[in-house]
Amino acid sequence: MAAKTAKSSPKQGRAFNPHILILMMDTQGARNMSCYGYRRKTTPHIDRVAKQGALFLNHFTTAPWTYPAHASLFTGRYESGHGCGAQHEALEPGLPSMPEILTRHGYRTVAFSNNSFAVSNFHGNPGVGFQELYRYSDTMPSHLGPGEKILDAVEPYIPPDDPDLRDKGAFKVTGLARKWIEDNVLDPAAKRKAAPFFMFINYMEPHDPYTPPEPFRSQFLDPTFDYARAQKRRGGQFPTSFGEDPLSLEEFQAQRDLYDGSTACLDHRIGLLVGELEKMGILDDTLLMITGDHGDALGEQPQYAFHAQHGLVDHVLKTPLIVRCPKAFKPGTRCKAFAQINDIFPTVLDLLGLDEPEARASIQGESLFDAIRGTGREFALCEAQRPVHSLRSAWWNDPECDVRWCNQHLKAARGKRYKYLWSSIGADMLFDIVKDPDERFNLIQRRPDIARRMFRQLEKKLLSFEQRCFPDTWSFRKYDRNLARRMEAWGLFQPMAGTEWATAKK
């Protein structure tokens, strides 16, 4: 494997040390955000932030679900570069990470998350390296990692008692984030007053099942479709994808309405947090990034729904990225060049003027400043490693389900017009994204010349960076020894002998 050559930092002028705030809208694609041209006004508050900063129109995640996408965010690597995904549910130690680097350079690093796949102190999770980790919902499982805490709400951000008005925690975390900043940054008595902070927040509002609170639910759900019915028929990633209990077109439309309501709810909460930063007088001294780890597919393709790990469709891969930092990103910037989630880490290093040769040699992403200058990548690279996670979940739902068709590796080169999808079982595909944005018509037989050219480009890219390959693992919170043994017998689960994931042979 060829090692990646480290890139030199772009000259951004004199480096400074802003506060850094990354807001992760879990499962939020770009498709239904009004700042990306959506017909419904779902994101008025984020639209305002986008006008004050840079909007990246062609931003893509590196993988179709939380684990590998967050690993790419924090390490700056592609999925095959860090090895964490649906085949190996762990981020192995040894890679420089953004929270670790920033901690070393004097930043207070703190994460708020209700998604243990995103940030946890458990061994192998992408967010390891934060000084402080908080779960902000009292309803989360009790398996907290070392040092993790569950926080109570603070005034005036105490969730209402009425379940129809409660979100998944975004309202509460606004108050928690504000209080943390007041206590650790603005309090005159705080000994660490001079230290900038790096804060990461993972929001779960857009993640299925979609349960937007009022008034956002009624604002977007078709009044002729009963909300209770929509909750009973919300499908699910794996039953729908494997054809066990697919939704009808009408039911998918109800899910889209509820997805819009969830997006609008989170937009409102993000608006509250941005407003708090303005009141505290630190917004213009903060690098604010709003993004998503992946989106959802809602009825566009057969045998693929929501964000199951065995597909690379644009509705899942194309995600928002809005960056506000007046000292570094010109307000009103609209960048059409390709950008990816693993570009955030090198951008932070460039902005802060940090040399960090080991980290730069490890990073496989490219600075967002390159994208703005038009000197970035030719295409977006997206991957889905062999989806043990999907295979396991399918057999949980239906032990008789035939899962062989999705037991494959996928890699995609997403260009401005065409998208080439390479399959390890030979089921390659080519789509004209301009004419066929839902990716329904495979052109591989009609345009083999384009497929061959994009295959060569994809292989050249893959050969340019290091891959990390590990045996199969999955998280203990969903570990089932009997199911693992059955999958192992069929060659669908291949753990290393002698590890804690290896199954008993009796």
Foldseek 3Di string as FASTA:
>chain_A
DAAFDFDDFDPQDDFDDFFEEEEAAAQFFPACDVCLPHPDPLFPLVNVLQLQFEWENAEWFFAQHAQQRLLLLFQQAHCLLQVDALFAPFRADDGHTQLQVLVVVQAQEEEEELDVQRAACPHGHNNPNHPAYEYADPPHDPPHHPRYYYDAADPPQHFDPPPLAGAPGLSRVLRVVLVCCCVAAVPPPHPSNVHHYHYYYYDHQLPPPQRAHPPLLVVQADPVDDPVVLVVPVQDFQCQLLVNRHDDPVSLSRSVSSSSSSSSRNSVSVSSNCVSCVVVVRNLSYWYKYKYSWHWDRPLDHSGTTRALLDDASRTTHMIIRIHHVSRGPRPHYFHFYAYSSQNSSQVCSNNVPCPVSSSSSRLGHHVVCRSVVNHDQWRKHWRAQRLVSVLVNCVVPVPGDPVVRRWIWMWTGHPFKIWIDIPVGPIFMDGCVVCVSRPDGCCVVCVVVNVVVVVVVVVSVSNHDGDHAFGDDDPVPDDQVSLQVCVVVVNHGHDPPDPRDHDPD
